[in-house]
PDB file of all heavy atoms in Angstrom:
ATOM      1  N   ASP A   1     131.551 138.728 135.220  1.00  0.00           N
ATOM      2  CA  ASP A   1     130.293 139.432 135.091  1.00  0.00           C
ATOM      3  C   ASP A   1     129.227 138.396 134.778  1.00  0.00           C
ATOM      4  O   ASP A   1     129.504 137.198 134.785  1.00  0.00           O
ATOM      5  CB  ASP A   1     130.358 140.532 134.028  1.00  0.00           C
ATOM      6  CG  ASP A   1     130.839 140.034 132.682  1.00  0.00           C
ATOM      7  OD1 ASP A   1     130.440 138.929 132.262  1.00  0.00           O
ATOM      8  OD2 ASP A   1     131.632 140.740 132.039  1.00  0.00           O
ATOM      9  N   VAL A   2     128.038 138.842 134.497  1.00  0.00           N
ATOM     10  CA  VAL A   2     126.939 137.905 134.294  1.00  0.00           C
ATOM     11  C   VAL A   2     127.134 137.025 133.070  1.00  0.00           C
ATOM     12  O   VAL A   2     126.477 135.986 132.941  1.00  0.00           O
ATOM     13  CB  VAL A   2     125.588 138.634 134.198  1.00  0.00           C
ATOM     14  CG1 VAL A   2     125.255 139.319 135.505  1.00  0.00           C
ATOM     15  CG2 VAL A   2     125.597 139.652 133.055  1.00  0.00           C
ATOM     16  N   GLY A   3     128.037 137.402 132.193  1.00  0.00           N
ATOM     17  CA  GLY A   3     128.271 136.630 130.992  1.00  0.00           C
ATOM     18  C   GLY A   3     129.528 135.795 131.004  1.00  0.00           C
ATOM     19  O   GLY A   3     129.824 135.114 130.017  1.00  0.00           O
ATOM     20  N   SER A   4     130.266 135.816 132.096  1.00  0.00           N
ATOM     21  CA  SER A   4     131.531 135.096 132.194  1.00  0.00           C
ATOM     22  C   SER A   4     131.554 134.283 133.472  1.00  0.00           C
ATOM     23  O   SER A   4     131.754 134.832 134.558  1.00  0.00           O
ATOM     24  CB  SER A   4     132.707 136.070 132.174  1.00  0.00           C
ATOM     25  OG  SER A   4     132.705 136.862 130.998  1.00  0.00           O
ATOM     26  N   THR A   5     131.356 132.984 133.332  1.00  0.00           N
ATOM     27  CA  THR A   5     131.342 132.104 134.495  1.00  0.00           C
ATOM     28  C   THR A   5     132.225 130.899 134.263  1.00  0.00           C
ATOM     29  O   THR A   5     132.482 130.508 133.130  1.00  0.00           O
ATOM     30  CB  THR A   5     129.925 131.623 134.830  1.00  0.00           C
ATOM     31  OG1 THR A   5     129.399 130.892 133.715  1.00  0.00           O
ATOM     32  CG2 THR A   5     129.007 132.803 135.125  1.00  0.00           C
ATOM     33  N   ALA A   6     132.663 130.295 135.345  1.00  0.00           N
ATOM     34  CA  ALA A   6     133.442 129.069 135.294  1.00  0.00           C
ATOM     35  C   ALA A   6     133.027 128.197 136.462  1.00  0.00           C
ATOM     36  O   ALA A   6     132.751 128.700 137.555  1.00  0.00           O
ATOM     37  CB  ALA A   6     134.938 129.366 135.355  1.00  0.00           C
ATOM     38  N   TYR A   7     132.982 126.885 136.230  1.00  0.00           N
ATOM     39  CA  TYR A   7     132.568 125.943 137.258  1.00  0.00           C
ATOM     40  C   TYR A   7     133.507 124.761 137.320  1.00  0.00           C
ATOM     41  O   TYR A   7     134.065 124.335 136.305  1.00  0.00           O
ATOM     42  CB  TYR A   7     131.162 125.411 136.981  1.00  0.00           C
ATOM     43  CG  TYR A   7     130.071 126.437 137.074  1.00  0.00           C
ATOM     44  CD1 TYR A   7     129.641 127.129 135.949  1.00  0.00           C
ATOM     45  CD2 TYR A   7     129.461 126.708 138.291  1.00  0.00           C
ATOM     46  CE1 TYR A   7     128.638 128.074 136.035  1.00  0.00           C
ATOM     47  CE2 TYR A   7     128.450 127.654 138.379  1.00  0.00           C
ATOM     48  CZ  TYR A   7     128.044 128.333 137.253  1.00  0.00           C
ATOM     49  OH  TYR A   7     127.041 129.269 137.343  1.00  0.00           O
ATOM     50  N   SER A   8     133.659 124.241 138.520  1.00  0.00           N
ATOM     51  CA  SER A   8     134.309 122.960 138.683  1.00  0.00           C
ATOM     52  C   SER A   8     133.463 121.886 138.012  1.00  0.00           C
ATOM     53  O   SER A   8     132.230 121.943 138.047  1.00  0.00           O
ATOM     54  CB  SER A   8     134.470 122.649 140.171  1.00  0.00           C
ATOM     55  OG  SER A   8     134.808 121.303 140.386  1.00  0.00           O
ATOM     56  N   ASP A   9     134.114 120.903 137.407  1.00  0.00           N
ATOM     57  CA  ASP A   9     133.377 119.829 136.748  1.00  0.00           C
ATOM     58  C   ASP A   9     132.429 119.118 137.706  1.00  0.00           C
ATOM     59  O   ASP A   9     131.370 118.643 137.300  1.00  0.00           O
ATOM     60  CB  ASP A   9     134.342 118.809 136.152  1.00  0.00           C
ATOM     61  CG  ASP A   9     135.056 119.326 134.925  1.00  0.00           C
ATOM     62  OD1 ASP A   9     134.581 120.311 134.321  1.00  0.00           O
ATOM     63  OD2 ASP A   9     136.086 118.738 134.558  1.00  0.00           O
ATOM     64  N   SER A  10     132.789 119.049 138.961  1.00  0.00           N
ATOM     65  CA  SER A  10     131.992 118.309 139.921  1.00  0.00           C
ATOM     66  C   SER A  10     130.665 118.981 140.257  1.00  0.00           C
ATOM     67  O   SER A  10     129.776 118.341 140.814  1.00  0.00           O
ATOM     68  CB  SER A  10     132.783 118.078 141.210  1.00  0.00           C
ATOM     69  OG  SER A  10     133.079 119.305 141.855  1.00  0.00           O
ATOM     70  N   VAL A  11     130.522 120.253 139.921  1.00  0.00           N
ATOM     71  CA  VAL A  11     129.293 120.963 140.267  1.00  0.00           C
ATOM     72  C   VAL A  11     128.529 121.470 139.055  1.00  0.00           C
ATOM     73  O   VAL A  11     127.426 122.011 139.212  1.00  0.00           O
ATOM     74  CB  VAL A  11     129.569 122.147 141.220  1.00  0.00           C
ATOM     75  CG1 VAL A  11     130.347 121.674 142.436  1.00  0.00           C
ATOM     76  CG2 VAL A  11     130.310 123.270 140.502  1.00  0.00           C
ATOM     77  N   LYS A  12     129.070 121.296 137.872  1.00  0.00           N
ATOM     78  CA  LYS A  12     128.389 121.768 136.668  1.00  0.00           C
ATOM     79  C   LYS A  12     127.013 121.128 136.547  1.00  0.00           C
ATOM     80  O   LYS A  12     126.852 119.930 136.730  1.00  0.00           O
ATOM     81  CB  LYS A  12     129.217 121.445 135.429  1.00  0.00           C
ATOM     82  CG  LYS A  12     130.444 122.310 135.254  1.00  0.00           C
ATOM     83  CD  LYS A  12     131.201 121.940 133.983  1.00  0.00           C
ATOM     84  CE  LYS A  12     132.430 122.815 133.805  1.00  0.00           C
ATOM     85  NZ  LYS A  12     133.212 122.432 132.603  1.00  0.00           N
ATOM     86  N   GLY A  13     126.050 121.958 136.256  1.00  0.00           N
ATOM     87  CA  GLY A  13     124.687 121.483 136.128  1.00  0.00           C
ATOM     88  C   GLY A  13     123.924 121.451 137.424  1.00  0.00           C
ATOM     89  O   GLY A  13     122.695 121.295 137.413  1.00  0.00           O
ATOM     90  N   ARG A  14     124.622 121.597 138.542  1.00  0.00           N
ATOM     91  CA  ARG A  14     123.970 121.572 139.849  1.00  0.00           C
ATOM     92  C   ARG A  14     124.067 122.907 140.577  1.00  0.00           C
ATOM     93  O   ARG A  14     123.148 123.290 141.294  1.00  0.00           O
ATOM     94  CB  ARG A  14     124.571 120.481 140.735  1.00  0.00           C
ATOM     95  CG  ARG A  14     124.410 119.078 140.178  1.00  0.00           C
ATOM     96  CD  ARG A  14     124.830 118.021 141.198  1.00  0.00           C
ATOM     97  NE  ARG A  14     126.244 118.140 141.554  1.00  0.00           N
ATOM     98  CZ  ARG A  14     126.698 118.402 142.783  1.00  0.00           C
ATOM     99  NH1 ARG A  14     125.832 118.569 143.783  1.00  0.00           N
ATOM    100  NH2 ARG A  14     127.997 118.472 143.020  1.00  0.00           N
ATOM    101  N   PHE A  15     125.186 123.581 140.414  1.00  0.00           N
ATOM    102  CA  PHE A  15     125.411 124.857 141.087  1.00  0.00           C
ATOM    103  C   PHE A  15     125.327 125.995 140.085  1.00  0.00           C
ATOM    104  O   PHE A  15     125.637 125.832 138.902  1.00  0.00           O
ATOM    105  CB  PHE A  15     126.795 124.898 141.737  1.00  0.00           C
ATOM    106  CG  PHE A  15     126.969 124.005 142.935  1.00  0.00           C
ATOM    107  CD1 PHE A  15     126.044 123.030 143.259  1.00  0.00           C
ATOM    108  CD2 PHE A  15     128.088 124.152 143.738  1.00  0.00           C
ATOM    109  CE1 PHE A  15     126.217 122.207 144.357  1.00  0.00           C
ATOM    110  CE2 PHE A  15     128.275 123.336 144.843  1.00  0.00           C
ATOM    111  CZ  PHE A  15     127.343 122.366 145.151  1.00  0.00           C
ATOM    112  N   SER A  16     124.957 127.153 140.581  1.00  0.00           N
ATOM    113  CA  SER A  16     124.887 128.339 139.742  1.00  0.00           C
ATOM    114  C   SER A  16     125.376 129.552 140.521  1.00  0.00           C
ATOM    115  O   SER A  16     124.862 129.836 141.608  1.00  0.00           O
ATOM    116  CB  SER A  16     123.457 128.565 139.252  1.00  0.00           C
ATOM    117  OG  SER A  16     123.367 129.722 138.452  1.00  0.00           O
ATOM    118  N   ILE A  17     126.355 130.241 139.974  1.00  0.00           N
ATOM    119  CA  ILE A  17     126.866 131.444 140.600  1.00  0.00           C
ATOM    120  C   ILE A  17     126.176 132.652 139.976  1.00  0.00           C
ATOM    121  O   ILE A  17     125.941 132.688 138.762  1.00  0.00           O
ATOM    122  CB  ILE A  17     128.404 131.537 140.454  1.00  0.00           C
ATOM    123  CG1 ILE A  17     128.960 132.723 141.248  1.00  0.00           C
ATOM    124  CG2 ILE A  17     128.810 131.615 138.987  1.00  0.00           C
ATOM    125  CD1 ILE A  17     130.485 132.742 141.312  1.00  0.00           C
ATOM    126  N   SER A  18     125.855 133.619 140.798  1.00  0.00           N
ATOM    127  CA  SER A  18     125.217 134.824 140.306  1.00  0.00           C
ATOM    128  C   SER A  18     125.571 135.980 141.233  1.00  0.00           C
ATOM    129  O   SER A  18     126.135 135.781 142.311  1.00  0.00           O
ATOM    130  CB  SER A  18     123.697 134.653 140.213  1.00  0.00           C
ATOM    131  OG  SER A  18     123.133 134.403 141.485  1.00  0.00           O
ATOM    132  N   ARG A  19     125.232 137.166 140.807  1.00  0.00           N
ATOM    133  CA  ARG A  19     125.529 138.337 141.623  1.00  0.00           C
ATOM    134  C   ARG A  19     124.467 139.398 141.431  1.00  0.00           C
ATOM    135  O   ARG A  19     123.864 139.526 140.357  1.00  0.00           O
ATOM    136  CB  ARG A  19     126.915 138.898 141.273  1.00  0.00           C
ATOM    137  CG  ARG A  19     127.028 139.401 139.839  1.00  0.00           C
ATOM    138  CD  ARG A  19     128.482 139.563 139.408  1.00  0.00           C
ATOM    139  NE  ARG A  19     129.198 140.532 140.222  1.00  0.00           N
ATOM    140  CZ  ARG A  19     130.514 140.721 140.163  1.00  0.00           C
ATOM    141  NH1 ARG A  19     131.254 139.983 139.324  1.00  0.00           N
ATOM    142  NH2 ARG A  19     131.097 141.630 140.937  1.00  0.00           N
ATOM    143  N   ASP A  20     124.246 140.166 142.478  1.00  0.00           N
ATOM    144  CA  ASP A  20     123.372 141.316 142.446  1.00  0.00           C
ATOM    145  C   ASP A  20     124.229 142.502 142.854  1.00  0.00           C
ATOM    146  O   ASP A  20     124.435 142.760 144.037  1.00  0.00           O
ATOM    147  CB  ASP A  20     122.188 141.144 143.391  1.00  0.00           C
ATOM    148  CG  ASP A  20     121.176 142.269 143.264  1.00  0.00           C
ATOM    149  OD1 ASP A  20     121.522 143.354 142.781  1.00  0.00           O
ATOM    150  OD2 ASP A  20     120.009 142.053 143.664  1.00  0.00           O
ATOM    151  N   ASN A  21     124.749 143.198 141.877  1.00  0.00           N
ATOM    152  CA  ASN A  21     125.689 144.274 142.162  1.00  0.00           C
ATOM    153  C   ASN A  21     125.052 145.407 142.957  1.00  0.00           C
ATOM    154  O   ASN A  21     125.722 146.052 143.769  1.00  0.00           O
ATOM    155  CB  ASN A  21     126.283 144.810 140.860  1.00  0.00           C
ATOM    156  CG  ASN A  21     127.183 143.804 140.182  1.00  0.00           C
ATOM    157  OD1 ASN A  21     127.860 143.016 140.839  1.00  0.00           O
ATOM    158  ND2 ASN A  21     127.204 143.827 138.853  1.00  0.00           N
ATOM    159  N   ALA A  22     123.783 145.663 142.738  1.00  0.00           N
ATOM    160  CA  ALA A  22     123.102 146.716 143.480  1.00  0.00           C
ATOM    161  C   ALA A  22     123.070 146.427 144.973  1.00  0.00           C
ATOM    162  O   ALA A  22     123.000 147.343 145.789  1.00  0.00           O
ATOM    163  CB  ALA A  22     121.688 146.906 142.951  1.00  0.00           C
ATOM    164  N   LYS A  23     123.126 145.137 145.325  1.00  0.00           N
ATOM    165  CA  LYS A  23     123.122 144.731 146.726  1.00  0.00           C
ATOM    166  C   LYS A  23     124.508 144.333 147.217  1.00  0.00           C
ATOM    167  O   LYS A  23     124.645 143.862 148.344  1.00  0.00           O
ATOM    168  CB  LYS A  23     122.158 143.562 146.929  1.00  0.00           C
ATOM    169  CG  LYS A  23     120.705 143.899 146.651  1.00  0.00           C
ATOM    170  CD  LYS A  23     119.823 142.688 146.893  1.00  0.00           C
ATOM    171  CE  LYS A  23     118.366 143.018 146.651  1.00  0.00           C
ATOM    172  NZ  LYS A  23     117.502 141.829 146.867  1.00  0.00           N
ATOM    173  N   ASN A  24     125.511 144.499 146.383  1.00  0.00           N
ATOM    174  CA  ASN A  24     126.890 144.132 146.720  1.00  0.00           C
ATOM    175  C   ASN A  24     126.970 142.677 147.160  1.00  0.00           C
ATOM    176  O   ASN A  24     127.707 142.340 148.086  1.00  0.00           O
ATOM    177  CB  ASN A  24     127.457 145.024 147.833  1.00  0.00           C
ATOM    178  CG  ASN A  24     127.094 146.472 147.685  1.00  0.00           C
ATOM    179  OD1 ASN A  24     127.083 146.993 146.576  1.00  0.00           O
ATOM    180  ND2 ASN A  24     126.806 147.124 148.805  1.00  0.00           N
ATOM    181  N   THR A  25     126.236 141.831 146.489  1.00  0.00           N
ATOM    182  CA  THR A  25     126.068 140.462 146.965  1.00  0.00           C
ATOM    183  C   THR A  25     126.359 139.433 145.884  1.00  0.00           C
ATOM    184  O   THR A  25     125.938 139.584 144.735  1.00  0.00           O
ATOM    185  CB  THR A  25     124.648 140.248 147.507  1.00  0.00           C
ATOM    186  OG1 THR A  25     124.401 141.175 148.569  1.00  0.00           O
ATOM    187  CG2 THR A  25     124.485 138.838 148.056  1.00  0.00           C
ATOM    188  N   LEU A  26     127.053 138.403 146.290  1.00  0.00           N
ATOM    189  CA  LEU A  26     127.353 137.253 145.463  1.00  0.00           C
ATOM    190  C   LEU A  26     126.550 136.069 145.979  1.00  0.00           C
ATOM    191  O   LEU A  26     126.401 135.907 147.192  1.00  0.00           O
ATOM    192  CB  LEU A  26     128.853 136.942 145.530  1.00  0.00           C
ATOM    193  CG  LEU A  26     129.346 135.665 144.862  1.00  0.00           C
ATOM    194  CD1 LEU A  26     129.223 135.790 143.351  1.00  0.00           C
ATOM    195  CD2 LEU A  26     130.793 135.393 145.274  1.00  0.00           C
ATOM    196  N   TYR A  27     126.069 135.236 145.077  1.00  0.00           N
ATOM    197  CA  TYR A  27     125.267 134.081 145.453  1.00  0.00           C
ATOM    198  C   TYR A  27     125.841 132.798 144.872  1.00  0.00           C
ATOM    199  O   TYR A  27     126.527 132.803 143.849  1.00  0.00           O
ATOM    200  CB  TYR A  27     123.830 134.217 144.939  1.00  0.00           C
ATOM    201  CG  TYR A  27     123.098 135.425 145.442  1.00  0.00           C
ATOM    202  CD1 TYR A  27     122.957 136.555 144.641  1.00  0.00           C
ATOM    203  CD2 TYR A  27     122.535 135.438 146.712  1.00  0.00           C
ATOM    204  CE1 TYR A  27     122.276 137.664 145.096  1.00  0.00           C
ATOM    205  CE2 TYR A  27     121.850 136.545 147.174  1.00  0.00           C
ATOM    206  CZ  TYR A  27     121.723 137.659 146.359  1.00  0.00           C
ATOM    207  OH  TYR A  27     121.041 138.758 146.816  1.00  0.00           O
ATOM    208  N   LEU A  28     125.522 131.713 145.538  1.00  0.00           N
ATOM    209  CA  LEU A  28     125.785 130.391 144.996  1.00  0.00           C
ATOM    210  C   LEU A  28     124.553 129.538 145.260  1.00  0.00           C
ATOM    211  O   LEU A  28     124.269 129.195 146.409  1.00  0.00           O
ATOM    212  CB  LEU A  28     127.021 129.744 145.633  1.00  0.00           C
ATOM    213  CG  LEU A  28     127.410 128.385 145.054  1.00  0.00           C
ATOM    214  CD1 LEU A  28     127.889 128.540 143.607  1.00  0.00           C
ATOM    215  CD2 LEU A  28     128.499 127.722 145.898  1.00  0.00           C
ATOM    216  N   GLU A  29     123.831 129.224 144.207  1.00  0.00           N
ATOM    217  CA  GLU A  29     122.677 128.347 144.303  1.00  0.00           C
ATOM    218  C   GLU A  29     123.160 126.923 144.121  1.00  0.00           C
ATOM    219  O   GLU A  29     123.768 126.599 143.102  1.00  0.00           O
ATOM    220  CB  GLU A  29     121.646 128.704 143.234  1.00  0.00           C
ATOM    221  CG  GLU A  29     120.378 127.887 143.292  1.00  0.00           C
ATOM    222  CD  GLU A  29     119.500 128.232 144.474  1.00  0.00           C
ATOM    223  OE1 GLU A  29     119.492 129.420 144.870  1.00  0.00           O
ATOM    224  OE2 GLU A  29     118.831 127.339 145.014  1.00  0.00           O
ATOM    225  N   MET A  30     122.903 126.089 145.099  1.00  0.00           N
ATOM    226  CA  MET A  30     123.366 124.716 145.087  1.00  0.00           C
ATOM    227  C   MET A  30     122.163 123.784 145.095  1.00  0.00           C
ATOM    228  O   MET A  30     121.342 123.841 146.013  1.00  0.00           O
ATOM    229  CB  MET A  30     124.267 124.432 146.296  1.00  0.00           C
ATOM    230  CG  MET A  30     125.446 125.385 146.409  1.00  0.00           C
ATOM    231  SD  MET A  30     126.567 124.938 147.761  1.00  0.00           S
ATOM    232  CE  MET A  30     125.492 125.233 149.164  1.00  0.00           C
ATOM    233  N   ASN A  31     122.082 122.950 144.083  1.00  0.00           N
ATOM    234  CA  ASN A  31     120.979 122.011 143.946  1.00  0.00           C
ATOM    235  C   ASN A  31     121.504 120.582 143.889  1.00  0.00           C
ATOM    236  O   ASN A  31     122.666 120.348 143.556  1.00  0.00           O
ATOM    237  CB  ASN A  31     120.174 122.312 142.687  1.00  0.00           C
ATOM    238  CG  ASN A  31     119.569 123.693 142.688  1.00  0.00           C
ATOM    239  OD1 ASN A  31     118.839 124.057 143.609  1.00  0.00           O
ATOM    240  ND2 ASN A  31     119.860 124.477 141.652  1.00  0.00           N
ATOM    241  N   ASP A  32     120.620 119.653 144.185  1.00  0.00           N
ATOM    242  CA  ASP A  32     120.978 118.232 144.168  1.00  0.00           C
ATOM    243  C   ASP A  32     122.278 118.002 144.936  1.00  0.00           C
ATOM    244  O   ASP A  32     123.223 117.385 144.442  1.00  0.00           O
ATOM    245  CB  ASP A  32     121.107 117.738 142.728  1.00  0.00           C
ATOM    246  CG  ASP A  32     121.222 116.229 142.630  1.00  0.00           C
ATOM    247  OD1 ASP A  32     120.765 115.532 143.556  1.00  0.00           O
ATOM    248  OD2 ASP A  32     121.773 115.745 141.622  1.00  0.00           O
ATOM    249  N   LEU A  33     122.307 118.479 146.147  1.00  0.00           N
ATOM    250  CA  LEU A  33     123.521 118.390 146.951  1.00  0.00           C
ATOM    251  C   LEU A  33     123.885 116.949 147.262  1.00  0.00           C
ATOM    252  O   LEU A  33     123.019 116.102 147.474  1.00  0.00           O
ATOM    253  CB  LEU A  33     123.343 119.171 148.245  1.00  0.00           C
ATOM    254  CG  LEU A  33     123.454 120.687 148.077  1.00  0.00           C
ATOM    255  CD1 LEU A  33     122.838 121.404 149.265  1.00  0.00           C
ATOM    256  CD2 LEU A  33     124.914 121.087 147.904  1.00  0.00           C
ATOM    257  N   LYS A  34     125.176 116.703 147.283  1.00  0.00           N
ATOM    258  CA  LYS A  34     125.717 115.384 147.546  1.00  0.00           C
ATOM    259  C   LYS A  34     126.633 115.441 148.766  1.00  0.00           C
ATOM    260  O   LYS A  34     127.170 116.499 149.085  1.00  0.00           O
ATOM    261  CB  LYS A  34     126.502 114.884 146.331  1.00  0.00           C
ATOM    262  CG  LYS A  34     125.689 114.831 145.050  1.00  0.00           C
ATOM    263  CD  LYS A  34     126.553 114.421 143.866  1.00  0.00           C
ATOM    264  CE  LYS A  34     125.739 114.363 142.596  1.00  0.00           C
ATOM    265  NZ  LYS A  34     126.565 113.958 141.427  1.00  0.00           N
ATOM    266  N   PRO A  35     126.832 114.305 149.437  1.00  0.00           N
ATOM    267  CA  PRO A  35     127.724 114.312 150.596  1.00  0.00           C
ATOM    268  C   PRO A  35     129.106 114.879 150.289  1.00  0.00           C
ATOM    269  O   PRO A  35     129.701 115.535 151.157  1.00  0.00           O
ATOM    270  CB  PRO A  35     127.798 112.834 150.988  1.00  0.00           C
ATOM    271  CG  PRO A  35     126.473 112.292 150.576  1.00  0.00           C
ATOM    272  CD  PRO A  35     126.155 112.998 149.281  1.00  0.00           C
ATOM    273  N   GLU A  36     129.608 114.651 149.094  1.00  0.00           N
ATOM    274  CA  GLU A  36     130.916 115.166 148.737  1.00  0.00           C
ATOM    275  C   GLU A  36     130.953 116.678 148.570  1.00  0.00           C
ATOM    276  O   GLU A  36     132.027 117.261 148.410  1.00  0.00           O
ATOM    277  CB  GLU A  36     131.448 114.486 147.465  1.00  0.00           C
ATOM    278  CG  GLU A  36     130.475 114.519 146.306  1.00  0.00           C
ATOM    279  CD  GLU A  36     129.673 113.235 146.175  1.00  0.00           C
ATOM    280  OE1 GLU A  36     129.222 112.707 147.213  1.00  0.00           O
ATOM    281  OE2 GLU A  36     129.503 112.754 145.040  1.00  0.00           O
TER     282      GLU A  36
END
């Protein structure tokens, strides 16, 4: 839920997972993208 998240160490601080349940939609915001 909005209060329970987990991230891979490689993306912490750069990626953010979120959801809009009213839209049945999951999101992944990715910032400072790297080739890896």
